[in-house]
């Protein structure tokens, strides 16, 4: 039997090189502890500097690096599916619907609503109303009595209501107040044109 310490257990080569067999306590240490035990102070300082700098660099320049390497990991997009649209001004609407694979012509046209959050843009609202009037079934205007920051403001639509008499008689324009109790929302003013008879529920 040879002189010295003998163990029948398998040894870790890295741990053997770093720690050796100088003590029994070294055998009970984990592999990571043995590796860290063999590192000097200079290596610790370099790791403490380089690891945070590397993480910071990946955080700041990660999208740039990803975009630079995009040809490697990205795949080309799927080709577009071309949907032909058949139209000619001399073809009837029924034939156009049939050519495009749609159903027949509707008995009544679709109802189209135009909803606007109104603040103080009277001129823009006037232009929008005149341009869209032939195509819109009903205009819905929502105006609050306060700004987004909670500052009270006057209701400008009511003050400039005469500017919107071009589309209907004044009696056809309904104005109503409605309190919204949910989540402390402010009182809102809703103006709906064309045949409104009362507030919506």
N, C-alpha and C. Protein backbone atom coordinates (compact mmCIF):
# COMPACT_ATOMS: atom_id res chain seq x y z
N UNK A 1 0.85 -1.18 0.00
CA UNK A 1 0.00 0.00 0.00
C UNK A 1 0.88 1.23 0.00
N UNK A 2 0.58 2.21 -0.92
CA UNK A 2 1.41 3.40 -1.04
C UNK A 2 1.19 4.33 0.13
N UNK A 3 2.23 5.11 0.41
CA UNK A 3 2.15 6.06 1.51
C UNK A 3 1.41 7.29 1.04
N UNK A 4 0.53 7.83 1.86
CA UNK A 4 -0.24 9.03 1.51
C UNK A 4 -1.73 8.75 1.57
N UNK A 5 -2.47 9.75 1.22
CA UNK A 5 -3.93 9.65 1.29
C UNK A 5 -4.43 8.90 0.08
N UNK A 6 -5.37 8.01 0.30
CA UNK A 6 -5.94 7.22 -0.78
C UNK A 6 -7.45 7.26 -0.67
N UNK A 7 -8.13 7.44 -1.82
CA UNK A 7 -9.58 7.42 -1.85
C UNK A 7 -10.01 6.65 -3.08
N UNK A 8 -11.01 5.79 -2.91
CA UNK A 8 -11.50 4.99 -4.03
C UNK A 8 -12.51 5.75 -4.88
N UNK A 9 -12.93 6.95 -4.41
CA UNK A 9 -13.91 7.72 -5.16
C UNK A 9 -13.26 8.37 -6.36
N UNK A 10 -14.10 8.66 -7.37
CA UNK A 10 -13.62 9.35 -8.56
C UNK A 10 -13.25 10.78 -8.20
N UNK A 11 -12.21 11.27 -8.81
CA UNK A 11 -11.76 12.64 -8.53
C UNK A 11 -12.09 13.53 -9.70
N UNK A 12 -12.24 14.80 -9.41
CA UNK A 12 -12.51 15.81 -10.42
C UNK A 12 -11.18 16.39 -10.86
N UNK A 13 -10.89 16.30 -12.16
CA UNK A 13 -9.58 16.75 -12.64
C UNK A 13 -9.35 18.22 -12.35
N UNK A 14 -10.39 19.05 -12.57
CA UNK A 14 -10.22 20.48 -12.34
C UNK A 14 -10.00 20.75 -10.86
N UNK A 15 -10.81 20.10 -10.04
CA UNK A 15 -10.67 20.28 -8.60
C UNK A 15 -9.33 19.74 -8.14
N UNK A 16 -8.86 18.66 -8.77
CA UNK A 16 -7.57 18.06 -8.40
C UNK A 16 -6.44 19.01 -8.71
N UNK A 17 -6.51 19.67 -9.88
CA UNK A 17 -5.44 20.57 -10.26
C UNK A 17 -5.42 21.81 -9.38
N UNK A 18 -6.59 22.32 -9.01
CA UNK A 18 -6.65 23.55 -8.24
C UNK A 18 -6.38 23.30 -6.77
N UNK A 19 -7.09 22.34 -6.19
CA UNK A 19 -7.03 22.14 -4.76
C UNK A 19 -6.01 21.08 -4.35
N UNK A 20 -5.83 20.11 -5.21
CA UNK A 20 -4.92 19.03 -4.85
C UNK A 20 -5.50 18.15 -3.77
N UNK A 21 -4.63 17.36 -3.12
CA UNK A 21 -5.07 16.46 -2.05
C UNK A 21 -4.42 16.84 -0.73
N UNK A 22 -4.20 18.12 -0.55
CA UNK A 22 -3.49 18.56 0.66
C UNK A 22 -4.33 18.39 1.91
N UNK A 23 -5.65 18.41 1.79
CA UNK A 23 -6.49 18.29 2.98
C UNK A 23 -7.76 17.54 2.63
N UNK A 24 -8.39 16.97 3.69
CA UNK A 24 -9.65 16.27 3.49
C UNK A 24 -10.78 17.25 3.20
N UNK A 25 -10.67 18.48 3.71
CA UNK A 25 -11.73 19.47 3.49
C UNK A 25 -11.87 19.83 2.02
N UNK A 26 -10.77 19.76 1.27
CA UNK A 26 -10.82 20.10 -0.15
C UNK A 26 -11.68 19.12 -0.92
N UNK A 27 -11.73 17.88 -0.49
CA UNK A 27 -12.52 16.88 -1.19
C UNK A 27 -14.02 17.12 -1.04
N UNK A 28 -14.43 17.73 0.05
CA UNK A 28 -15.85 17.97 0.29
C UNK A 28 -16.36 19.25 -0.38
N UNK A 29 -15.46 20.07 -0.89
CA UNK A 29 -15.87 21.31 -1.55
C UNK A 29 -16.44 21.00 -2.93
N UNK A 30 -17.33 21.83 -3.34
CA UNK A 30 -17.91 21.63 -4.67
C UNK A 30 -16.91 22.03 -5.74
N UNK A 31 -17.22 21.64 -6.94
CA UNK A 31 -16.33 21.94 -8.06
C UNK A 31 -16.19 23.45 -8.26
N UNK A 32 -17.30 24.19 -8.12
CA UNK A 32 -17.26 25.63 -8.31
C UNK A 32 -16.40 26.30 -7.26
N UNK A 33 -16.51 25.85 -6.02
CA UNK A 33 -15.70 26.43 -4.96
C UNK A 33 -14.22 26.18 -5.19
N UNK A 34 -13.91 25.00 -5.70
CA UNK A 34 -12.50 24.70 -5.98
C UNK A 34 -11.96 25.60 -7.08
N UNK A 35 -12.80 25.84 -8.12
CA UNK A 35 -12.34 26.70 -9.21
C UNK A 35 -12.15 28.12 -8.72
N UNK A 36 -13.13 28.63 -7.94
CA UNK A 36 -13.03 29.99 -7.44
C UNK A 36 -11.87 30.15 -6.46
N UNK A 37 -11.52 29.08 -5.76
CA UNK A 37 -10.41 29.15 -4.80
C UNK A 37 -9.09 29.36 -5.50
N UNK A 38 -9.01 28.86 -6.74
CA UNK A 38 -7.75 29.00 -7.46
C UNK A 38 -7.59 30.32 -8.18
N UNK A 39 -8.63 31.15 -8.23
CA UNK A 39 -8.54 32.44 -8.91
C UNK A 39 -7.92 33.48 -7.99
N UNK A 40 -7.14 34.36 -8.59
CA UNK A 40 -6.50 35.40 -7.79
C UNK A 40 -7.35 36.67 -7.78
N UNK A 41 -6.89 37.69 -7.05
CA UNK A 41 -7.64 38.93 -6.89
C UNK A 41 -7.80 39.67 -8.21
N UNK A 42 -6.80 39.60 -9.06
CA UNK A 42 -6.85 40.29 -10.36
C UNK A 42 -7.99 39.73 -11.22
N UNK A 43 -8.17 38.44 -11.18
CA UNK A 43 -9.24 37.82 -11.97
C UNK A 43 -10.61 38.25 -11.44
N UNK A 44 -10.76 38.32 -10.11
CA UNK A 44 -12.02 38.78 -9.52
C UNK A 44 -12.35 40.19 -9.96
N UNK A 45 -11.36 41.07 -9.94
CA UNK A 45 -11.58 42.47 -10.33
C UNK A 45 -12.01 42.55 -11.79
N UNK A 46 -11.34 41.78 -12.64
CA UNK A 46 -11.69 41.79 -14.07
C UNK A 46 -13.12 41.30 -14.28
N UNK A 47 -13.50 40.24 -13.55
CA UNK A 47 -14.87 39.72 -13.68
C UNK A 47 -15.89 40.73 -13.17
N UNK A 48 -15.59 41.39 -12.05
CA UNK A 48 -16.52 42.37 -11.50
C UNK A 48 -16.68 43.59 -12.40
N UNK A 49 -15.71 43.86 -13.26
CA UNK A 49 -15.80 44.99 -14.19
C UNK A 49 -16.44 44.56 -15.50
N UNK A 50 -15.98 43.42 -16.03
CA UNK A 50 -16.42 43.01 -17.37
C UNK A 50 -17.86 42.51 -17.39
N UNK A 51 -18.29 41.79 -16.36
CA UNK A 51 -19.65 41.24 -16.37
C UNK A 51 -20.71 42.35 -16.35
N UNK A 52 -20.63 43.35 -15.44
CA UNK A 52 -21.63 44.44 -15.52
C UNK A 52 -21.55 45.24 -16.80
N UNK A 53 -20.32 45.47 -17.31
CA UNK A 53 -20.20 46.21 -18.57
C UNK A 53 -20.81 45.42 -19.72
N UNK A 54 -20.62 44.10 -19.71
CA UNK A 54 -21.22 43.28 -20.76
C UNK A 54 -22.74 43.30 -20.71
N UNK A 55 -23.30 43.22 -19.48
CA UNK A 55 -24.76 43.28 -19.34
C UNK A 55 -25.29 44.64 -19.78
N UNK A 56 -24.59 45.72 -19.39
CA UNK A 56 -25.01 47.05 -19.79
C UNK A 56 -24.92 47.23 -21.30
N UNK A 57 -23.85 46.71 -21.90
CA UNK A 57 -23.70 46.81 -23.35
C UNK A 57 -24.79 46.05 -24.09
N UNK A 58 -25.15 44.86 -23.59
CA UNK A 58 -26.23 44.11 -24.22
C UNK A 58 -27.57 44.83 -24.07
N UNK A 59 -27.76 45.50 -22.94
CA UNK A 59 -29.01 46.24 -22.73
C UNK A 59 -29.10 47.44 -23.66
N UNK A 60 -27.98 48.16 -23.82
CA UNK A 60 -27.99 49.37 -24.65
C UNK A 60 -27.95 49.07 -26.14
N UNK A 61 -27.18 48.07 -26.52
CA UNK A 61 -26.94 47.81 -27.95
C UNK A 61 -27.51 46.47 -28.40
N UNK A 62 -28.36 45.85 -27.58
CA UNK A 62 -28.94 44.57 -27.97
C UNK A 62 -29.73 44.63 -29.26
N UNK A 63 -30.64 45.62 -29.44
CA UNK A 63 -31.37 45.70 -30.71
C UNK A 63 -30.48 45.91 -31.93
N UNK A 64 -29.40 46.68 -31.76
CA UNK A 64 -28.48 46.89 -32.89
C UNK A 64 -27.77 45.59 -33.26
N UNK A 65 -27.34 44.87 -32.24
CA UNK A 65 -26.67 43.59 -32.51
C UNK A 65 -27.64 42.61 -33.15
N UNK A 66 -28.87 42.58 -32.65
CA UNK A 66 -29.87 41.68 -33.22
C UNK A 66 -30.19 42.04 -34.66
N UNK A 67 -30.28 43.34 -34.96
CA UNK A 67 -30.54 43.76 -36.34
C UNK A 67 -29.36 43.46 -37.24
N UNK A 68 -28.15 43.60 -36.70
CA UNK A 68 -26.95 43.32 -37.50
C UNK A 68 -26.87 41.84 -37.86
N UNK A 69 -27.29 40.98 -36.94
CA UNK A 69 -27.24 39.53 -37.18
C UNK A 69 -28.55 38.99 -37.76
N UNK A 70 -29.46 39.86 -38.15
CA UNK A 70 -30.76 39.40 -38.62
C UNK A 70 -30.67 38.51 -39.87
N UNK A 71 -29.77 38.78 -40.82
CA UNK A 71 -29.70 37.85 -41.97
C UNK A 71 -29.39 36.42 -41.59
N UNK A 72 -28.82 36.21 -40.41
CA UNK A 72 -28.46 34.85 -39.99
C UNK A 72 -29.67 34.12 -39.42
N UNK A 73 -30.43 34.80 -38.54
CA UNK A 73 -31.49 34.10 -37.83
C UNK A 73 -32.88 34.31 -38.42
N UNK A 74 -33.06 35.34 -39.24
CA UNK A 74 -34.40 35.63 -39.75
C UNK A 74 -34.68 34.84 -41.02
N UNK A 75 -35.94 34.60 -41.27
CA UNK A 75 -36.37 33.92 -42.50
C UNK A 75 -37.22 34.88 -43.31
N UNK A 76 -37.22 34.76 -44.63
CA UNK A 76 -38.00 35.70 -45.45
C UNK A 76 -39.49 35.56 -45.17
N UNK A 77 -40.22 36.66 -45.28
CA UNK A 77 -41.67 36.60 -45.01
C UNK A 77 -42.40 35.80 -46.08
N UNK A 78 -43.58 35.36 -45.71
CA UNK A 78 -44.40 34.62 -46.66
C UNK A 78 -44.87 35.56 -47.77
N UNK A 79 -44.97 35.07 -48.98
CA UNK A 79 -45.42 35.94 -50.08
C UNK A 79 -46.87 36.38 -49.87
N UNK A 80 -47.16 37.56 -50.37
CA UNK A 80 -48.51 38.10 -50.26
C UNK A 80 -49.49 37.30 -51.12
N UNK A 81 -50.69 37.16 -50.61
CA UNK A 81 -51.75 36.53 -51.38
C UNK A 81 -52.48 37.63 -52.15
N UNK A 82 -52.31 37.64 -53.43
CA UNK A 82 -52.90 38.68 -54.27
C UNK A 82 -54.38 38.38 -54.49
N UNK A 83 -55.22 39.32 -54.08
CA UNK A 83 -56.66 39.18 -54.25
C UNK A 83 -57.08 40.13 -55.37
N UNK A 84 -57.47 39.62 -56.52
CA UNK A 84 -57.84 40.52 -57.61
C UNK A 84 -59.16 41.23 -57.33
N UNK A 85 -59.22 42.46 -57.75
CA UNK A 85 -60.44 43.25 -57.59
C UNK A 85 -60.91 43.67 -58.98
N UNK A 86 -62.08 43.23 -59.34
CA UNK A 86 -62.62 43.52 -60.66
C UNK A 86 -63.54 44.72 -60.60
N UNK A 87 -63.24 45.70 -61.41
CA UNK A 87 -64.08 46.90 -61.44
C UNK A 87 -64.00 47.56 -62.80
N UNK A 88 -65.12 48.01 -63.26
CA UNK A 88 -65.19 48.85 -64.45
C UNK A 88 -66.46 49.68 -64.34
N UNK A 89 -66.36 50.93 -64.75
CA UNK A 89 -67.50 51.84 -64.54
C UNK A 89 -68.69 51.47 -65.42
N UNK A 90 -68.49 50.68 -66.47
CA UNK A 90 -69.61 50.30 -67.33
C UNK A 90 -70.28 48.99 -66.90
N UNK A 91 -69.73 48.32 -65.88
CA UNK A 91 -70.29 47.05 -65.42
C UNK A 91 -71.24 47.33 -64.26
N UNK A 92 -72.37 46.64 -64.26
CA UNK A 92 -73.36 46.86 -63.21
C UNK A 92 -72.82 46.35 -61.87
N UNK A 93 -73.41 46.85 -60.80
CA UNK A 93 -72.96 46.48 -59.46
C UNK A 93 -73.22 45.01 -59.17
N UNK A 94 -74.31 44.46 -59.69
CA UNK A 94 -74.59 43.04 -59.47
C UNK A 94 -73.52 42.16 -60.10
N UNK A 95 -73.10 42.50 -61.33
CA UNK A 95 -72.05 41.72 -61.98
C UNK A 95 -70.71 41.90 -61.28
N UNK A 96 -70.44 43.09 -60.78
CA UNK A 96 -69.19 43.31 -60.05
C UNK A 96 -69.15 42.47 -58.78
N UNK A 97 -70.26 42.42 -58.08
CA UNK A 97 -70.31 41.59 -56.87
C UNK A 97 -70.10 40.12 -57.20
N UNK A 98 -70.69 39.66 -58.30
CA UNK A 98 -70.53 38.26 -58.69
C UNK A 98 -69.10 37.97 -59.10
N UNK A 99 -68.45 38.89 -59.84
CA UNK A 99 -67.07 38.68 -60.26
C UNK A 99 -66.11 38.62 -59.07
N UNK A 100 -66.38 39.41 -58.05
CA UNK A 100 -65.50 39.43 -56.88
C UNK A 100 -65.84 38.37 -55.85
N UNK A 101 -66.85 37.55 -56.14
CA UNK A 101 -67.20 36.48 -55.22
C UNK A 101 -67.99 36.93 -54.02
N UNK A 102 -68.62 38.08 -54.09
CA UNK A 102 -69.42 38.58 -52.99
C UNK A 102 -70.88 38.22 -53.20
N UNK A 103 -71.68 38.48 -52.18
CA UNK A 103 -73.11 38.26 -52.32
C UNK A 103 -73.72 39.32 -53.22
N UNK A 104 -75.01 39.24 -53.38
CA UNK A 104 -75.69 40.20 -54.23
C UNK A 104 -75.73 41.58 -53.61
N UNK A 105 -76.34 42.49 -54.32
CA UNK A 105 -76.46 43.86 -53.85
C UNK A 105 -77.44 43.91 -52.68
N UNK A 106 -77.09 44.66 -51.65
CA UNK A 106 -77.96 44.79 -50.48
C UNK A 106 -79.23 45.53 -50.84
N UNK A 107 -80.31 45.14 -50.18
CA UNK A 107 -81.58 45.83 -50.41
C UNK A 107 -81.54 47.26 -49.88
N UNK A 108 -80.86 47.44 -48.77
CA UNK A 108 -80.70 48.79 -48.22
C UNK A 108 -79.22 49.03 -47.95
N UNK A 109 -78.76 50.23 -48.16
CA UNK A 109 -77.32 50.50 -47.94
C UNK A 109 -76.95 50.37 -46.47
N UNK A 110 -75.69 50.10 -46.23
CA UNK A 110 -75.20 49.99 -44.86
C UNK A 110 -75.28 51.33 -44.15
N UNK A 111 -75.53 51.25 -42.86
CA UNK A 111 -75.52 52.46 -42.05
C UNK A 111 -74.08 52.74 -41.62
N UNK A 112 -73.65 53.96 -41.88
CA UNK A 112 -72.27 54.36 -41.58
C UNK A 112 -72.30 55.46 -40.54
N UNK A 113 -71.55 55.26 -39.46
CA UNK A 113 -71.48 56.24 -38.38
C UNK A 113 -70.09 56.87 -38.35
N UNK A 114 -70.06 58.15 -38.06
CA UNK A 114 -68.79 58.86 -37.92
C UNK A 114 -68.74 59.44 -36.51
N UNK A 115 -67.87 58.87 -35.67
CA UNK A 115 -67.74 59.32 -34.28
C UNK A 115 -66.50 60.19 -34.14
N UNK A 116 -66.65 61.32 -33.46
CA UNK A 116 -65.57 62.30 -33.32
C UNK A 116 -65.46 62.71 -31.86
N UNK A 117 -64.24 62.67 -31.34
CA UNK A 117 -63.96 63.27 -30.03
C UNK A 117 -63.67 64.75 -30.27
N UNK A 118 -64.57 65.60 -29.81
CA UNK A 118 -64.47 67.03 -30.11
C UNK A 118 -63.95 67.77 -28.89
N UNK A 119 -62.97 68.66 -29.15
CA UNK A 119 -62.43 69.48 -28.07
C UNK A 119 -62.64 70.96 -28.37
N UNK A 120 -61.90 71.48 -29.37
CA UNK A 120 -62.08 72.88 -29.78
C UNK A 120 -61.83 73.08 -31.27
N UNK A 121 -61.81 71.99 -32.03
CA UNK A 121 -61.46 72.06 -33.45
C UNK A 121 -62.73 72.29 -34.28
N UNK A 122 -63.29 73.47 -34.19
CA UNK A 122 -64.55 73.77 -34.87
C UNK A 122 -64.35 73.78 -36.38
N UNK A 123 -63.27 74.40 -36.85
CA UNK A 123 -63.02 74.47 -38.30
C UNK A 123 -62.79 73.09 -38.89
N UNK A 124 -62.00 72.28 -38.21
CA UNK A 124 -61.74 70.93 -38.72
C UNK A 124 -63.01 70.09 -38.72
N UNK A 125 -63.84 70.26 -37.69
CA UNK A 125 -65.10 69.52 -37.65
C UNK A 125 -66.03 69.96 -38.78
N UNK A 126 -66.04 71.25 -39.09
CA UNK A 126 -66.88 71.75 -40.19
C UNK A 126 -66.44 71.15 -41.52
N UNK A 127 -65.14 71.13 -41.77
CA UNK A 127 -64.62 70.55 -43.02
C UNK A 127 -64.95 69.06 -43.08
N UNK A 128 -64.71 68.36 -41.97
CA UNK A 128 -64.99 66.92 -41.95
C UNK A 128 -66.46 66.65 -42.21
N UNK A 129 -67.33 67.44 -41.59
CA UNK A 129 -68.77 67.23 -41.74
C UNK A 129 -69.21 67.46 -43.18
N UNK A 130 -68.70 68.51 -43.81
CA UNK A 130 -69.10 68.80 -45.19
C UNK A 130 -68.56 67.76 -46.16
N UNK A 131 -67.35 67.27 -45.91
CA UNK A 131 -66.78 66.29 -46.83
C UNK A 131 -67.46 64.92 -46.71
N UNK A 132 -67.79 64.51 -45.51
CA UNK A 132 -68.33 63.17 -45.30
C UNK A 132 -69.85 63.11 -45.30
N UNK A 133 -70.50 64.24 -45.38
CA UNK A 133 -71.96 64.28 -45.27
C UNK A 133 -72.68 63.37 -46.26
N UNK A 134 -72.26 63.29 -47.54
CA UNK A 134 -73.00 62.42 -48.48
C UNK A 134 -72.87 60.93 -48.16
N UNK A 135 -71.87 60.55 -47.37
CA UNK A 135 -71.60 59.13 -47.17
C UNK A 135 -71.92 58.64 -45.76
N UNK A 136 -72.25 59.54 -44.86
CA UNK A 136 -72.44 59.18 -43.46
C UNK A 136 -73.93 59.16 -43.12
N UNK A 137 -74.36 58.09 -42.45
CA UNK A 137 -75.74 58.00 -41.99
C UNK A 137 -75.98 58.86 -40.76
N UNK A 138 -75.04 58.82 -39.84
CA UNK A 138 -75.21 59.56 -38.59
C UNK A 138 -73.86 60.02 -38.06
N UNK A 139 -73.82 61.25 -37.61
CA UNK A 139 -72.62 61.81 -37.00
C UNK A 139 -72.77 61.76 -35.48
N UNK A 140 -71.75 61.30 -34.80
CA UNK A 140 -71.73 61.23 -33.34
C UNK A 140 -70.57 62.08 -32.85
N UNK A 141 -70.89 63.10 -32.06
CA UNK A 141 -69.88 64.01 -31.54
C UNK A 141 -69.86 63.89 -30.03
N UNK A 142 -68.70 63.63 -29.48
CA UNK A 142 -68.54 63.50 -28.04
C UNK A 142 -67.65 64.63 -27.55
N UNK A 143 -68.20 65.49 -26.69
CA UNK A 143 -67.45 66.61 -26.14
C UNK A 143 -67.57 66.60 -24.63
N UNK A 144 -66.45 66.66 -23.94
CA UNK A 144 -66.44 66.67 -22.48
C UNK A 144 -66.43 68.10 -21.97
N UNK A 145 -66.88 68.26 -20.74
CA UNK A 145 -66.87 69.59 -20.14
C UNK A 145 -65.59 69.88 -19.37
N UNK A 146 -64.56 69.05 -19.59
CA UNK A 146 -63.25 69.29 -19.00
C UNK A 146 -62.19 68.72 -19.93
N UNK A 147 -60.96 69.19 -19.76
CA UNK A 147 -59.86 68.71 -20.58
C UNK A 147 -59.37 67.37 -20.04
N UNK A 148 -58.36 66.80 -20.71
CA UNK A 148 -57.82 65.52 -20.27
C UNK A 148 -57.12 65.65 -18.92
N UNK A 149 -56.70 66.85 -18.57
CA UNK A 149 -56.05 67.07 -17.28
C UNK A 149 -57.03 67.47 -16.19
N UNK A 150 -58.33 67.51 -16.49
CA UNK A 150 -59.34 67.81 -15.49
C UNK A 150 -59.69 69.28 -15.35
N UNK A 151 -59.16 70.13 -16.23
CA UNK A 151 -59.47 71.56 -16.16
C UNK A 151 -60.82 71.80 -16.81
N UNK A 152 -61.76 72.48 -16.15
CA UNK A 152 -63.08 72.74 -16.76
C UNK A 152 -62.96 73.61 -18.01
N UNK A 153 -63.79 73.31 -19.00
CA UNK A 153 -63.78 74.08 -20.24
C UNK A 153 -65.22 74.24 -20.73
N UNK A 154 -65.49 75.29 -21.49
CA UNK A 154 -66.85 75.47 -22.01
C UNK A 154 -67.14 74.48 -23.14
N UNK A 155 -68.40 74.24 -23.39
CA UNK A 155 -68.82 73.37 -24.48
C UNK A 155 -68.90 74.19 -25.75
N UNK A 156 -67.87 74.06 -26.59
CA UNK A 156 -67.76 74.91 -27.77
C UNK A 156 -68.72 74.51 -28.88
N UNK A 157 -69.13 73.26 -28.90
CA UNK A 157 -70.05 72.85 -29.96
C UNK A 157 -71.39 73.58 -29.82
N UNK A 158 -71.85 73.76 -28.59
CA UNK A 158 -73.11 74.46 -28.37
C UNK A 158 -72.99 75.93 -28.78
N UNK A 159 -71.83 76.53 -28.54
CA UNK A 159 -71.64 77.94 -28.91
C UNK A 159 -71.58 78.12 -30.42
N UNK A 160 -71.05 77.13 -31.13
CA UNK A 160 -70.89 77.23 -32.58
C UNK A 160 -71.90 76.38 -33.34
N UNK A 161 -73.02 76.13 -32.73
CA UNK A 161 -74.01 75.26 -33.35
C UNK A 161 -74.57 75.85 -34.64
N UNK A 162 -74.59 77.17 -34.76
CA UNK A 162 -75.12 77.79 -35.98
C UNK A 162 -74.29 77.46 -37.21
N UNK A 163 -73.04 77.10 -37.02
CA UNK A 163 -72.19 76.78 -38.17
C UNK A 163 -72.54 75.43 -38.78
N UNK A 164 -73.34 74.63 -38.10
CA UNK A 164 -73.66 73.29 -38.58
C UNK A 164 -75.11 73.17 -39.01
N UNK A 165 -75.73 74.28 -39.37
CA UNK A 165 -77.11 74.24 -39.84
C UNK A 165 -77.21 73.89 -41.32
N UNK A 166 -76.08 73.71 -41.98
CA UNK A 166 -76.12 73.47 -43.42
C UNK A 166 -76.63 72.08 -43.76
N UNK A 167 -76.58 71.14 -42.84
CA UNK A 167 -76.89 69.75 -43.20
C UNK A 167 -78.31 69.35 -42.87
N UNK A 168 -78.90 69.93 -41.83
CA UNK A 168 -80.25 69.55 -41.43
C UNK A 168 -80.94 70.79 -40.87
N UNK A 169 -82.24 70.65 -40.71
CA UNK A 169 -82.97 71.68 -39.97
C UNK A 169 -82.55 71.62 -38.50
N UNK A 170 -82.62 72.74 -37.79
CA UNK A 170 -82.21 72.73 -36.39
C UNK A 170 -82.97 71.74 -35.53
N UNK A 171 -84.24 71.46 -35.89
CA UNK A 171 -85.03 70.54 -35.06
C UNK A 171 -84.53 69.11 -35.16
N UNK A 172 -83.79 68.78 -36.23
CA UNK A 172 -83.30 67.42 -36.40
C UNK A 172 -82.04 67.14 -35.60
N UNK A 173 -81.50 68.15 -34.98
CA UNK A 173 -80.27 67.98 -34.22
C UNK A 173 -80.62 67.87 -32.75
N UNK A 174 -80.28 66.76 -32.14
CA UNK A 174 -80.63 66.52 -30.75
C UNK A 174 -79.41 66.69 -29.87
N UNK A 175 -79.56 67.42 -28.78
CA UNK A 175 -78.49 67.60 -27.81
C UNK A 175 -78.96 67.03 -26.48
N UNK A 176 -78.11 66.32 -25.83
CA UNK A 176 -78.49 65.75 -24.55
C UNK A 176 -77.32 65.68 -23.60
N UNK A 177 -77.64 65.82 -22.33
CA UNK A 177 -76.64 65.66 -21.29
C UNK A 177 -76.74 64.25 -20.73
N UNK A 178 -75.60 63.70 -20.45
CA UNK A 178 -75.60 62.35 -19.88
C UNK A 178 -74.46 62.24 -18.87
N UNK A 179 -74.82 61.87 -17.68
CA UNK A 179 -73.78 61.69 -16.66
C UNK A 179 -73.28 60.26 -16.72
N UNK A 180 -71.96 60.13 -16.74
CA UNK A 180 -71.33 58.82 -16.73
C UNK A 180 -70.80 58.59 -15.33
N UNK A 181 -71.42 57.70 -14.61
CA UNK A 181 -71.07 57.49 -13.21
C UNK A 181 -69.90 56.52 -13.03
N UNK A 182 -69.57 55.78 -14.09
CA UNK A 182 -68.55 54.75 -13.94
C UNK A 182 -67.17 55.37 -13.82
N UNK A 183 -66.46 55.00 -12.80
CA UNK A 183 -65.05 55.34 -12.60
C UNK A 183 -64.79 56.83 -12.59
N UNK A 184 -65.75 57.61 -12.19
CA UNK A 184 -65.54 59.03 -12.03
C UNK A 184 -65.32 59.80 -13.31
N UNK A 185 -65.88 59.33 -14.42
CA UNK A 185 -65.71 60.04 -15.68
C UNK A 185 -66.51 61.33 -15.66
N UNK A 186 -66.05 62.36 -16.38
CA UNK A 186 -66.78 63.63 -16.36
C UNK A 186 -68.09 63.54 -17.13
N UNK A 187 -68.93 64.55 -16.92
CA UNK A 187 -70.18 64.64 -17.67
C UNK A 187 -69.84 64.88 -19.14
N UNK A 188 -70.47 64.14 -20.01
CA UNK A 188 -70.16 64.22 -21.43
C UNK A 188 -71.35 64.79 -22.19
N UNK A 189 -71.06 65.43 -23.28
CA UNK A 189 -72.10 65.98 -24.14
C UNK A 189 -72.06 65.19 -25.44
N UNK A 190 -73.20 64.68 -25.82
CA UNK A 190 -73.26 63.90 -27.05
C UNK A 190 -74.27 64.53 -27.97
N UNK A 191 -73.84 64.81 -29.18
CA UNK A 191 -74.73 65.40 -30.17
C UNK A 191 -74.82 64.45 -31.34
N UNK A 192 -76.03 64.05 -31.67
CA UNK A 192 -76.24 63.10 -32.75
C UNK A 192 -77.20 63.73 -33.74
N UNK A 193 -76.84 63.64 -35.00
CA UNK A 193 -77.70 64.23 -36.01
C UNK A 193 -78.56 63.16 -36.66
N UNK A 194 -79.57 63.61 -37.34
CA UNK A 194 -80.49 62.82 -38.15
C UNK A 194 -81.35 61.88 -37.34
N UNK A 195 -82.47 62.39 -36.90
CA UNK A 195 -83.53 61.53 -36.40
C UNK A 195 -83.33 60.96 -35.02
N UNK A 196 -82.47 61.50 -34.17
CA UNK A 196 -82.36 60.98 -32.82
C UNK A 196 -83.53 61.48 -32.00
N UNK A 197 -84.11 60.61 -31.22
CA UNK A 197 -85.29 60.98 -30.45
C UNK A 197 -85.02 61.11 -28.97
N UNK A 198 -83.90 60.65 -28.51
CA UNK A 198 -83.62 60.74 -27.08
C UNK A 198 -82.31 60.07 -26.75
N UNK A 199 -81.93 60.09 -25.49
CA UNK A 199 -80.64 59.51 -25.11
C UNK A 199 -80.64 58.01 -25.26
N UNK A 200 -79.46 57.51 -25.62
CA UNK A 200 -79.31 56.06 -25.77
C UNK A 200 -79.09 55.44 -24.40
N UNK A 201 -79.55 54.20 -24.24
CA UNK A 201 -79.40 53.52 -22.95
C UNK A 201 -78.35 52.44 -23.07
